[in-house]
Amino acid sequence: MEMEPHLINWTLKSISNPLDAFLPPAEMRQSISTIKELPPLPEVGRRVMSLASDPLSDAKKLAEVIELDPLLTTQVIRWAGSALYGYRGKIYSVQDAISRVLGYDYVLNLVMGLTALSPLKTPQEGPLGSTEQWRHALASSHLMLKLSQNIPLERRPDPKKIQLAALLHNIGFLLLGHQFPDEFHYLDKLTRANPGLPVIRIENFAFGTDHSQLGGWLMRTWSMPKPVIDVIHHHHNPSYRGDNHILNLLTYLNDTLLGRIGIGDATSQDYPSTVFEQLHLSEIKTENLLDDLSDNLQAIESMAETLAS
């Protein structure tokens, strides 16, 4: 993706500090190829993935795995008790959270997503920092499921795939911050200086690649499900028509909607006029769901701050 010459000059000149003479790599892919080792998927994540393929797994077994990690246990219980789900009783255990509020599949995929994101250490602050990435991931996990419930059943993606795609589709930003801190700092400054430009265009200008390609590479290394890899790689392309294109289009719409309320990297992104027809969604209903989410942002932001720290 190319950027017009006048935009290149404006982008560079708009950075008041020359970033201490830092120069991004001429070819980011060459830098990526030199990496010897990626952060491994945590043990809890691997155990949860094994439960996903176990037909005898149940809420009790899932709770036992989650409770191996005290912080993860606290997060699941807090999530179940948040205002987003309207449960009026008290949640005292992971098994209660699964059985009474969230459901087995939801928690399975929530935990798989949370553990995949957890080993990537990225600066907390800024438009691309870990707090904003968690806010976007958690808001997406809620909004995408709500949107999907209004898609006709015969076209509706599998809720398990939706949850993982929602949580992980921007994981490339966290990988960039973890593996390439200087480049992440450079991109952060470019993004702050040019809030009107799509972040993905700035990435391609600066590095010759972007977070969707970085994230797809990591997910393949971790042997994540193909639908998740497809969405991570294509979620900025509403014209993608390969496998899982409905899930990808749902993700694209989700990002565009969240961008309108200042969440995520798609604040200047728009959707094609045909997106509602393709998803068989009502635009009015979609607006109502976004309003409902906006009313509950405090719970999401509180959880995002906890996860980022």
C-alpha atoms as a PDB file:
ATOM      1  CA  MET A   1       0.000   0.000   0.000  1.00  0.00           C
ATOM      2  CA  GLU A   2       1.636   3.283  -1.098  1.00  0.00           C
ATOM      3  CA  MET A   3       1.314   6.704   0.460  1.00  0.00           C
ATOM      4  CA  GLU A   4       1.177   9.822  -1.698  1.00  0.00           C
ATOM      5  CA  PRO A   5       4.484  11.784  -1.737  1.00  0.00           C
ATOM      6  CA  HIS A   6       2.961  14.907  -0.157  1.00  0.00           C
ATOM      7  CA  LEU A   7       1.584  12.809   2.689  1.00  0.00           C
ATOM      8  CA  ILE A   8       4.990  11.214   3.237  1.00  0.00           C
ATOM      9  CA  ASN A   9       6.582  14.654   3.620  1.00  0.00           C
ATOM     10  CA  TRP A  10       3.774  15.879   5.890  1.00  0.00           C
ATOM     11  CA  THR A  11       3.985  12.757   8.029  1.00  0.00           C
ATOM     12  CA  LEU A  12       7.723  13.082   8.604  1.00  0.00           C
ATOM     13  CA  LYS A  13       7.747  16.834   9.140  1.00  0.00           C
ATOM     14  CA  SER A  14       4.869  16.630  11.618  1.00  0.00           C
ATOM     15  CA  ILE A  15       7.093  14.811  14.121  1.00  0.00           C
ATOM     16  CA  SER A  16       8.721  17.542  16.182  1.00  0.00           C
ATOM     17  CA  ASN A  17      11.375  15.238  17.633  1.00  0.00           C
ATOM     18  CA  PRO A  18      13.552  13.310  15.150  1.00  0.00           C
ATOM     19  CA  LEU A  19      13.264  10.270  17.459  1.00  0.00           C
ATOM     20  CA  ASP A  20      16.881  10.519  18.601  1.00  0.00           C
ATOM     21  CA  ALA A  21      18.129   9.743  15.086  1.00  0.00           C
ATOM     22  CA  PHE A  22      16.284   6.390  15.046  1.00  0.00           C
ATOM     23  CA  LEU A  23      15.757   5.085  11.528  1.00  0.00           C
ATOM     24  CA  PRO A  24      13.246   2.309  10.881  1.00  0.00           C
ATOM     25  CA  PRO A  25      14.505  -0.713   8.950  1.00  0.00           C
ATOM     26  CA  ALA A  26      14.371  -0.377   5.198  1.00  0.00           C
ATOM     27  CA  GLU A  27      12.699  -3.769   5.039  1.00  0.00           C
ATOM     28  CA  MET A  28      10.878  -4.925   8.139  1.00  0.00           C
ATOM     29  CA  ARG A  29      10.484  -8.438   6.782  1.00  0.00           C
ATOM     30  CA  GLN A  30      14.276  -8.847   6.851  1.00  0.00           C
ATOM     31  CA  SER A  31      14.281  -7.848  10.512  1.00  0.00           C
ATOM     32  CA  ILE A  32      11.503 -10.310  11.252  1.00  0.00           C
ATOM     33  CA  SER A  33      13.435 -13.114   9.600  1.00  0.00           C
ATOM     34  CA  THR A  34      16.333 -12.586  12.020  1.00  0.00           C
ATOM     35  CA  ILE A  35      14.221 -13.333  15.109  1.00  0.00           C
ATOM     36  CA  LYS A  36      15.353 -16.598  16.645  1.00  0.00           C
ATOM     37  CA  GLU A  37      12.600 -17.139  19.174  1.00  0.00           C
ATOM     38  CA  LEU A  38       9.036 -15.961  19.811  1.00  0.00           C
ATOM     39  CA  PRO A  39       7.404 -15.777  23.238  1.00  0.00           C
ATOM     40  CA  PRO A  40       5.826 -19.189  23.870  1.00  0.00           C
ATOM     41  CA  LEU A  41       2.133 -19.638  24.466  1.00  0.00           C
ATOM     42  CA  PRO A  42       1.735 -19.888  28.261  1.00  0.00           C
ATOM     43  CA  GLU A  43       1.104 -23.295  29.819  1.00  0.00           C
ATOM     44  CA  VAL A  44      -2.480 -22.424  30.776  1.00  0.00           C
ATOM     45  CA  GLY A  45      -3.150 -21.446  27.159  1.00  0.00           C
ATOM     46  CA  ARG A  46      -1.805 -24.769  25.904  1.00  0.00           C
ATOM     47  CA  ARG A  47      -3.958 -26.670  28.406  1.00  0.00           C
ATOM     48  CA  VAL A  48      -7.041 -24.713  27.410  1.00  0.00           C
ATOM     49  CA  MET A  49      -6.347 -25.474  23.732  1.00  0.00           C
ATOM     50  CA  SER A  50      -6.208 -29.178  24.600  1.00  0.00           C
ATOM     51  CA  LEU A  51      -9.577 -28.886  26.368  1.00  0.00           C
ATOM     52  CA  ALA A  52     -11.038 -27.348  23.205  1.00  0.00           C
ATOM     53  CA  SER A  53     -10.449 -30.650  21.399  1.00  0.00           C
ATOM     54  CA  ASP A  54     -11.609 -32.829  24.306  1.00  0.00           C
ATOM     55  CA  PRO A  55     -15.267 -33.919  23.873  1.00  0.00           C
ATOM     56  CA  LEU A  56     -15.437 -34.864  27.572  1.00  0.00           C
ATOM     57  CA  SER A  57     -14.339 -31.451  28.834  1.00  0.00           C
ATOM     58  CA  ASP A  58     -16.812 -29.559  31.009  1.00  0.00           C
ATOM     59  CA  ALA A  59     -17.078 -26.484  33.233  1.00  0.00           C
ATOM     60  CA  LYS A  60     -15.375 -28.244  36.133  1.00  0.00           C
ATOM     61  CA  LYS A  61     -12.316 -29.253  34.076  1.00  0.00           C
ATOM     62  CA  LEU A  62     -12.050 -25.800  32.526  1.00  0.00           C
ATOM     63  CA  ALA A  63     -12.292 -24.133  35.932  1.00  0.00           C
ATOM     64  CA  GLU A  64      -9.526 -26.381  37.286  1.00  0.00           C
ATOM     65  CA  VAL A  65      -7.171 -25.282  34.502  1.00  0.00           C
ATOM     66  CA  ILE A  66      -7.999 -21.584  34.904  1.00  0.00           C
ATOM     67  CA  GLU A  67      -7.483 -21.754  38.659  1.00  0.00           C
ATOM     68  CA  LEU A  68      -3.848 -22.712  38.085  1.00  0.00           C
ATOM     69  CA  ASP A  69      -3.350 -19.001  37.392  1.00  0.00           C
ATOM     70  CA  PRO A  70      -4.586 -16.763  40.254  1.00  0.00           C
ATOM     71  CA  LEU A  71      -4.594 -13.585  38.151  1.00  0.00           C
ATOM     72  CA  LEU A  72      -6.562 -15.258  35.368  1.00  0.00           C
ATOM     73  CA  THR A  73      -9.004 -16.607  37.954  1.00  0.00           C
ATOM     74  CA  THR A  74      -9.603 -13.096  39.269  1.00  0.00           C
ATOM     75  CA  GLN A  75     -10.108 -11.730  35.760  1.00  0.00           C
ATOM     76  CA  VAL A  76     -12.737 -14.322  34.808  1.00  0.00           C
ATOM     77  CA  ILE A  77     -14.682 -13.798  38.051  1.00  0.00           C
ATOM     78  CA  ARG A  78     -14.560 -10.001  37.637  1.00  0.00           C
ATOM     79  CA  TRP A  79     -15.656 -10.253  34.007  1.00  0.00           C
ATOM     80  CA  ALA A  80     -18.659 -12.411  34.941  1.00  0.00           C
ATOM     81  CA  GLY A  81     -19.670  -9.938  37.645  1.00  0.00           C
ATOM     82  CA  SER A  82     -19.380  -6.846  35.444  1.00  0.00           C
ATOM     83  CA  ALA A  83     -22.354  -4.727  34.461  1.00  0.00           C
ATOM     84  CA  LEU A  84     -22.025  -5.977  30.875  1.00  0.00           C
ATOM     85  CA  TYR A  85     -23.791  -9.240  31.736  1.00  0.00           C
ATOM     86  CA  GLY A  86     -26.360  -7.971  34.198  1.00  0.00           C
ATOM     87  CA  TYR A  87     -25.986 -10.854  36.642  1.00  0.00           C
ATOM     88  CA  ARG A  88     -27.323  -9.677  40.011  1.00  0.00           C
ATOM     89  CA  GLY A  89     -25.973 -12.474  42.190  1.00  0.00           C
ATOM     90  CA  LYS A  90     -22.497 -12.926  43.612  1.00  0.00           C
ATOM     91  CA  ILE A  91     -19.830 -14.875  41.721  1.00  0.00           C
ATOM     92  CA  TYR A  92     -17.390 -16.653  44.035  1.00  0.00           C
ATOM     93  CA  SER A  93     -15.641 -19.126  41.719  1.00  0.00           C
ATOM     94  CA  VAL A  94     -14.611 -19.709  38.141  1.00  0.00           C
ATOM     95  CA  GLN A  95     -17.111 -22.547  37.892  1.00  0.00           C
ATOM     96  CA  ASP A  96     -19.888 -20.141  38.942  1.00  0.00           C
ATOM     97  CA  ALA A  97     -18.716 -17.685  36.295  1.00  0.00           C
ATOM     98  CA  ILE A  98     -18.880 -20.424  33.652  1.00  0.00           C
ATOM     99  CA  SER A  99     -22.115 -22.109  34.707  1.00  0.00           C
ATOM    100  CA  ARG A 100     -24.208 -19.124  35.791  1.00  0.00           C
ATOM    101  CA  VAL A 101     -23.124 -16.249  33.564  1.00  0.00           C
ATOM    102  CA  LEU A 102     -20.662 -16.641  30.717  1.00  0.00           C
ATOM    103  CA  GLY A 103     -20.992 -20.219  29.455  1.00  0.00           C
ATOM    104  CA  TYR A 104     -18.365 -22.845  28.715  1.00  0.00           C
ATOM    105  CA  ASP A 105     -17.512 -21.867  25.121  1.00  0.00           C
ATOM    106  CA  TYR A 106     -17.297 -18.174  25.942  1.00  0.00           C
ATOM    107  CA  VAL A 107     -14.889 -18.698  28.845  1.00  0.00           C
ATOM    108  CA  LEU A 108     -12.832 -21.265  26.922  1.00  0.00           C
ATOM    109  CA  ASN A 109     -12.166 -18.814  24.119  1.00  0.00           C
ATOM    110  CA  LEU A 110     -11.858 -15.812  26.421  1.00  0.00           C
ATOM    111  CA  VAL A 111      -9.105 -17.560  28.384  1.00  0.00           C
ATOM    112  CA  MET A 112      -7.373 -18.758  25.218  1.00  0.00           C
ATOM    113  CA  GLY A 113      -7.314 -15.174  23.977  1.00  0.00           C
ATOM    114  CA  LEU A 114      -6.208 -13.706  27.293  1.00  0.00           C
ATOM    115  CA  THR A 115      -3.332 -16.162  27.676  1.00  0.00           C
ATOM    116  CA  ALA A 116      -2.196 -15.570  24.094  1.00  0.00           C
ATOM    117  CA  LEU A 117      -1.990 -11.825  24.715  1.00  0.00           C
ATOM    118  CA  SER A 118      -0.407 -12.027  28.166  1.00  0.00           C
ATOM    119  CA  PRO A 119       3.264 -12.846  27.286  1.00  0.00           C
ATOM    120  CA  LEU A 120       3.606  -9.847  24.955  1.00  0.00           C
ATOM    121  CA  LYS A 121       5.074  -6.949  26.928  1.00  0.00           C
ATOM    122  CA  THR A 122       4.214  -3.641  25.303  1.00  0.00           C
ATOM    123  CA  PRO A 123       4.260  -0.049  26.643  1.00  0.00           C
ATOM    124  CA  GLN A 124       0.945   0.689  28.374  1.00  0.00           C
ATOM    125  CA  GLU A 125       0.329   4.252  27.261  1.00  0.00           C
ATOM    126  CA  GLY A 126      -0.478   5.785  23.898  1.00  0.00           C
ATOM    127  CA  PRO A 127      -2.904   5.103  21.042  1.00  0.00           C
ATOM    128  CA  LEU A 128      -1.225   1.744  20.315  1.00  0.00           C
ATOM    129  CA  GLY A 129      -0.234   0.839  23.889  1.00  0.00           C
ATOM    130  CA  SER A 130      -1.349  -2.250  25.749  1.00  0.00           C
ATOM    131  CA  THR A 131      -4.153  -0.493  27.651  1.00  0.00           C
ATOM    132  CA  GLU A 132      -5.766   0.617  24.393  1.00  0.00           C
ATOM    133  CA  GLN A 133      -5.203  -2.819  22.828  1.00  0.00           C
ATOM    134  CA  TRP A 134      -6.947  -4.522  25.763  1.00  0.00           C
ATOM    135  CA  ARG A 135      -9.786  -1.982  25.628  1.00  0.00           C
ATOM    136  CA  HIS A 136     -10.242  -2.712  21.944  1.00  0.00           C
ATOM    137  CA  ALA A 137     -10.011  -6.499  22.408  1.00  0.00           C
ATOM    138  CA  LEU A 138     -12.559  -6.598  25.239  1.00  0.00           C
ATOM    139  CA  ALA A 139     -14.969  -4.197  23.516  1.00  0.00           C
ATOM    140  CA  SER A 140     -14.689  -6.291  20.342  1.00  0.00           C
ATOM    141  CA  SER A 141     -15.408  -9.530  22.205  1.00  0.00           C
ATOM    142  CA  HIS A 142     -18.661  -8.034  23.459  1.00  0.00           C
ATOM    143  CA  LEU A 143     -19.798  -6.130  20.357  1.00  0.00           C
ATOM    144  CA  MET A 144     -18.990  -8.849  17.821  1.00  0.00           C
ATOM    145  CA  LEU A 145     -20.998 -11.447  19.718  1.00  0.00           C
ATOM    146  CA  LYS A 146     -23.957  -9.056  19.994  1.00  0.00           C
ATOM    147  CA  LEU A 147     -23.772  -8.209  16.293  1.00  0.00           C
ATOM    148  CA  SER A 148     -23.531 -11.872  15.316  1.00  0.00           C
ATOM    149  CA  GLN A 149     -26.703 -12.725  17.213  1.00  0.00           C
ATOM    150  CA  ASN A 150     -28.572 -10.568  14.687  1.00  0.00           C
ATOM    151  CA  ILE A 151     -27.097 -12.320  11.649  1.00  0.00           C
ATOM    152  CA  PRO A 152     -29.349 -15.085  10.233  1.00  0.00           C
ATOM    153  CA  LEU A 153     -28.394 -18.429  11.721  1.00  0.00           C
ATOM    154  CA  GLU A 154     -27.402 -19.954   8.376  1.00  0.00           C
ATOM    155  CA  ARG A 155     -24.810 -17.201   7.814  1.00  0.00           C
ATOM    156  CA  ARG A 156     -23.738 -16.646  11.409  1.00  0.00           C
ATOM    157  CA  PRO A 157     -20.087 -17.512  12.198  1.00  0.00           C
ATOM    158  CA  ASP A 158     -19.354 -19.969  14.993  1.00  0.00           C
ATOM    159  CA  PRO A 159     -19.397 -18.052  18.333  1.00  0.00           C
ATOM    160  CA  LYS A 160     -16.137 -19.780  19.322  1.00  0.00           C
ATOM    161  CA  LYS A 161     -14.414 -18.335  16.255  1.00  0.00           C
ATOM    162  CA  ILE A 162     -15.946 -14.911  16.897  1.00  0.00           C
ATOM    163  CA  GLN A 163     -14.567 -14.724  20.421  1.00  0.00           C
ATOM    164  CA  LEU A 164     -11.009 -15.611  19.430  1.00  0.00           C
ATOM    165  CA  ALA A 165     -11.064 -13.331  16.384  1.00  0.00           C
ATOM    166  CA  ALA A 166     -12.385 -10.474  18.500  1.00  0.00           C
ATOM    167  CA  LEU A 167      -9.684 -10.797  21.135  1.00  0.00           C
ATOM    168  CA  LEU A 168      -6.709 -11.528  18.894  1.00  0.00           C
ATOM    169  CA  HIS A 169      -7.146  -9.739  15.568  1.00  0.00           C
ATOM    170  CA  ASN A 170      -4.946  -6.778  16.597  1.00  0.00           C
ATOM    171  CA  ILE A 171      -2.317  -8.880  18.362  1.00  0.00           C
ATOM    172  CA  GLY A 172       0.260  -7.689  15.822  1.00  0.00           C
ATOM    173  CA  PHE A 173       0.505  -4.337  17.634  1.00  0.00           C
ATOM    174  CA  LEU A 174       1.450  -6.124  20.856  1.00  0.00           C
ATOM    175  CA  LEU A 175       3.992  -8.266  19.032  1.00  0.00           C
ATOM    176  CA  LEU A 176       5.522  -5.137  17.490  1.00  0.00           C
ATOM    177  CA  GLY A 177       5.829  -3.501  20.917  1.00  0.00           C
ATOM    178  CA  HIS A 178       7.264  -6.671  22.464  1.00  0.00           C
ATOM    179  CA  GLN A 179       9.740  -7.619  19.766  1.00  0.00           C
ATOM    180  CA  PHE A 180      10.590  -4.237  18.198  1.00  0.00           C
ATOM    181  CA  PRO A 181      10.355  -1.539  20.910  1.00  0.00           C
ATOM    182  CA  ASP A 182      12.213   1.112  18.875  1.00  0.00           C
ATOM    183  CA  GLU A 183       9.977   0.581  15.858  1.00  0.00           C
ATOM    184  CA  PHE A 184       6.909   0.610  18.115  1.00  0.00           C
ATOM    185  CA  HIS A 185       8.006   3.936  19.605  1.00  0.00           C
ATOM    186  CA  TYR A 186       8.527   5.331  16.094  1.00  0.00           C
ATOM    187  CA  LEU A 187       5.054   4.186  14.994  1.00  0.00           C
ATOM    188  CA  ASP A 188       3.505   5.587  18.179  1.00  0.00           C
ATOM    189  CA  LYS A 189       4.961   9.027  17.407  1.00  0.00           C
ATOM    190  CA  LEU A 190       3.839   8.884  13.790  1.00  0.00           C
ATOM    191  CA  THR A 191       0.332   7.908  14.886  1.00  0.00           C
ATOM    192  CA  ARG A 192       0.078  10.631  17.511  1.00  0.00           C
ATOM    193  CA  ALA A 193       1.289  13.236  15.007  1.00  0.00           C
ATOM    194  CA  ASN A 194      -1.171  12.170  12.296  1.00  0.00           C
ATOM    195  CA  PRO A 195      -4.467  11.168  13.947  1.00  0.00           C
ATOM    196  CA  GLY A 196      -6.362  11.635  10.696  1.00  0.00           C
ATOM    197  CA  LEU A 197      -4.396   8.970   8.802  1.00  0.00           C
ATOM    198  CA  PRO A 198      -5.288   5.254   9.009  1.00  0.00           C
ATOM    199  CA  VAL A 199      -2.699   3.525  11.181  1.00  0.00           C
ATOM    200  CA  ILE A 200      -2.310   0.671   8.684  1.00  0.00           C
ATOM    201  CA  ARG A 201      -1.218   3.161   6.005  1.00  0.00           C
ATOM    202  CA  ILE A 202       1.331   4.690   8.370  1.00  0.00           C
ATOM    203  CA  GLU A 203       2.683   1.216   9.203  1.00  0.00           C
ATOM    204  CA  ASN A 204       3.132   0.285   5.574  1.00  0.00           C
ATOM    205  CA  PHE A 205       4.832   3.601   4.864  1.00  0.00           C
ATOM    206  CA  ALA A 206       7.186   3.237   7.838  1.00  0.00           C
ATOM    207  CA  PHE A 207       7.962  -0.483   7.741  1.00  0.00           C
ATOM    208  CA  GLY A 208       6.723  -2.005   4.492  1.00  0.00           C
ATOM    209  CA  THR A 209       4.473  -4.284   6.555  1.00  0.00           C
ATOM    210  CA  ASP A 210       1.747  -3.925   9.185  1.00  0.00           C
ATOM    211  CA  HIS A 211       0.241  -5.431  12.327  1.00  0.00           C
ATOM    212  CA  SER A 212      -2.041  -7.784  10.376  1.00  0.00           C
ATOM    213  CA  GLN A 213       0.966  -9.517   8.800  1.00  0.00           C
ATOM    214  CA  LEU A 214       2.904  -9.600  12.079  1.00  0.00           C
ATOM    215  CA  GLY A 215      -0.084 -11.040  13.922  1.00  0.00           C
ATOM    216  CA  GLY A 216      -0.720 -13.691  11.298  1.00  0.00           C
ATOM    217  CA  TRP A 217       2.899 -14.785  11.504  1.00  0.00           C
ATOM    218  CA  LEU A 218       2.683 -15.184  15.289  1.00  0.00           C
ATOM    219  CA  MET A 219      -0.602 -17.101  15.132  1.00  0.00           C
ATOM    220  CA  ARG A 220       0.827 -19.555  12.607  1.00  0.00           C
ATOM    221  CA  THR A 221       3.823 -20.078  14.893  1.00  0.00           C
ATOM    222  CA  TRP A 222       1.449 -20.844  17.773  1.00  0.00           C
ATOM    223  CA  SER A 223      -0.697 -23.140  15.568  1.00  0.00           C
ATOM    224  CA  MET A 224      -3.859 -21.153  16.219  1.00  0.00           C
ATOM    225  CA  PRO A 225      -7.035 -22.080  14.289  1.00  0.00           C
ATOM    226  CA  LYS A 226      -7.118 -21.053  10.621  1.00  0.00           C
ATOM    227  CA  PRO A 227     -10.217 -18.801  10.968  1.00  0.00           C
ATOM    228  CA  VAL A 228      -8.340 -16.685  13.500  1.00  0.00           C
ATOM    229  CA  ILE A 229      -5.269 -16.467  11.252  1.00  0.00           C
ATOM    230  CA  ASP A 230      -7.432 -15.474   8.260  1.00  0.00           C
ATOM    231  CA  VAL A 231      -9.136 -12.673  10.175  1.00  0.00           C
ATOM    232  CA  ILE A 232      -5.907 -11.364  11.696  1.00  0.00           C
ATOM    233  CA  HIS A 233      -4.377 -11.165   8.221  1.00  0.00           C
ATOM    234  CA  HIS A 234      -7.373  -9.674   6.366  1.00  0.00           C
ATOM    235  CA  HIS A 235      -9.380  -7.666   8.927  1.00  0.00           C
ATOM    236  CA  HIS A 236      -8.652  -4.317   7.230  1.00  0.00           C
ATOM    237  CA  ASN A 237      -9.885  -5.632   3.873  1.00  0.00           C
ATOM    238  CA  PRO A 238     -13.713  -5.712   3.544  1.00  0.00           C
ATOM    239  CA  SER A 239     -13.379  -7.097   0.002  1.00  0.00           C
ATOM    240  CA  TYR A 240     -11.713 -10.336   1.148  1.00  0.00           C
ATOM    241  CA  ARG A 241     -13.774 -13.291  -0.109  1.00  0.00           C
ATOM    242  CA  GLY A 242     -11.754 -16.327   0.913  1.00  0.00           C
ATOM    243  CA  ASP A 243     -12.428 -18.757   3.723  1.00  0.00           C
ATOM    244  CA  ASN A 244     -14.098 -17.151   6.744  1.00  0.00           C
ATOM    245  CA  HIS A 245     -14.989 -13.983   4.838  1.00  0.00           C
ATOM    246  CA  ILE A 246     -18.215 -13.451   6.839  1.00  0.00           C
ATOM    247  CA  LEU A 247     -16.239 -13.554  10.090  1.00  0.00           C
ATOM    248  CA  ASN A 248     -13.707 -11.180   8.558  1.00  0.00           C
ATOM    249  CA  LEU A 249     -16.414  -8.757   7.412  1.00  0.00           C
ATOM    250  CA  LEU A 250     -17.982  -8.858  10.876  1.00  0.00           C
ATOM    251  CA  THR A 251     -14.582  -7.964  12.357  1.00  0.00           C
ATOM    252  CA  TYR A 252     -14.154  -5.115   9.877  1.00  0.00           C
ATOM    253  CA  LEU A 253     -17.582  -3.702  10.754  1.00  0.00           C
ATOM    254  CA  ASN A 254     -16.850  -4.069  14.474  1.00  0.00           C
ATOM    255  CA  ASP A 255     -13.589  -2.120  14.135  1.00  0.00           C
ATOM    256  CA  THR A 256     -15.255   0.634  12.141  1.00  0.00           C
ATOM    257  CA  LEU A 257     -18.038   0.993  14.714  1.00  0.00           C
ATOM    258  CA  LEU A 258     -15.603   1.036  17.634  1.00  0.00           C
ATOM    259  CA  GLY A 259     -13.513   3.619  15.793  1.00  0.00           C
ATOM    260  CA  ARG A 260     -16.514   5.933  15.820  1.00  0.00           C
ATOM    261  CA  ILE A 261     -16.450   5.978  19.627  1.00  0.00           C
ATOM    262  CA  GLY A 262     -12.690   6.376  19.798  1.00  0.00           C
ATOM    263  CA  ILE A 263     -11.639   2.770  20.374  1.00  0.00           C
ATOM    264  CA  GLY A 264      -9.009   0.976  18.311  1.00  0.00           C
ATOM    265  CA  ASP A 265      -7.027   1.804  15.195  1.00  0.00           C
ATOM    266  CA  ALA A 266      -9.941   2.328  12.777  1.00  0.00           C
ATOM    267  CA  THR A 267     -11.100   5.806  13.799  1.00  0.00           C
ATOM    268  CA  SER A 268     -10.837   7.012  10.182  1.00  0.00           C
ATOM    269  CA  GLN A 269     -12.119   3.784   8.628  1.00  0.00           C
ATOM    270  CA  ASP A 270     -15.473   3.528   6.857  1.00  0.00           C
ATOM    271  CA  TYR A 271     -17.424   0.538   5.623  1.00  0.00           C
ATOM    272  CA  PRO A 272     -18.781  -0.166   2.119  1.00  0.00           C
ATOM    273  CA  SER A 273     -22.473   0.572   1.641  1.00  0.00           C
ATOM    274  CA  THR A 274     -23.092  -3.135   1.026  1.00  0.00           C
ATOM    275  CA  VAL A 275     -21.728  -4.384   4.366  1.00  0.00           C
ATOM    276  CA  PHE A 276     -25.138  -4.577   6.065  1.00  0.00           C
ATOM    277  CA  GLU A 277     -26.641  -6.383   3.096  1.00  0.00           C
ATOM    278  CA  GLN A 278     -23.764  -8.884   3.045  1.00  0.00           C
ATOM    279  CA  LEU A 279     -24.106  -9.588   6.760  1.00  0.00           C
ATOM    280  CA  HIS A 280     -27.929  -9.372   6.715  1.00  0.00           C
ATOM    281  CA  LEU A 281     -27.754  -6.840   9.543  1.00  0.00           C
ATOM    282  CA  SER A 282     -30.032  -3.914  10.259  1.00  0.00           C
ATOM    283  CA  GLU A 283     -28.158  -0.613  10.409  1.00  0.00           C
ATOM    284  CA  ILE A 284     -30.571   0.711  13.028  1.00  0.00           C
ATOM    285  CA  LYS A 285     -30.091  -2.354  15.232  1.00  0.00           C
ATOM    286  CA  THR A 286     -26.344  -2.025  14.830  1.00  0.00           C
ATOM    287  CA  GLU A 287     -26.460   1.583  16.020  1.00  0.00           C
ATOM    288  CA  ASN A 288     -28.492   0.515  19.059  1.00  0.00           C
ATOM    289  CA  LEU A 289     -25.929  -2.162  19.958  1.00  0.00           C
ATOM    290  CA  LEU A 290     -23.125   0.400  19.715  1.00  0.00           C
ATOM    291  CA  ASP A 291     -25.069   2.741  22.006  1.00  0.00           C
ATOM    292  CA  ASP A 292     -25.526  -0.090  24.515  1.00  0.00           C
ATOM    293  CA  LEU A 293     -21.795  -0.759  24.464  1.00  0.00           C
ATOM    294  CA  SER A 294     -21.019   2.931  24.972  1.00  0.00           C
ATOM    295  CA  ASP A 295     -23.168   2.890  28.118  1.00  0.00           C
ATOM    296  CA  ASN A 296     -21.014   0.080  29.549  1.00  0.00           C
ATOM    297  CA  LEU A 297     -17.533   1.296  28.630  1.00  0.00           C
ATOM    298  CA  GLN A 298     -16.563   1.873  32.260  1.00  0.00           C
ATOM    299  CA  ALA A 299     -16.556  -1.877  32.984  1.00  0.00           C
ATOM    300  CA  ILE A 300     -14.477  -2.561  29.863  1.00  0.00           C
ATOM    301  CA  GLU A 301     -11.994   0.210  30.615  1.00  0.00           C
ATOM    302  CA  SER A 302     -11.543  -0.978  34.206  1.00  0.00           C
ATOM    303  CA  MET A 303     -10.788  -4.516  33.041  1.00  0.00           C
ATOM    304  CA  ALA A 304      -8.447  -3.242  30.289  1.00  0.00           C
ATOM    305  CA  GLU A 305      -6.391  -1.264  32.796  1.00  0.00           C
ATOM    306  CA  THR A 306      -6.091  -4.329  35.035  1.00  0.00           C
ATOM    307  CA  LEU A 307      -4.988  -6.577  32.190  1.00  0.00           C
ATOM    308  CA  ALA A 308      -2.482  -4.054  30.816  1.00  0.00           C
ATOM    309  CA  SER A 309      -0.840  -3.582  34.209  1.00  0.00           C
END
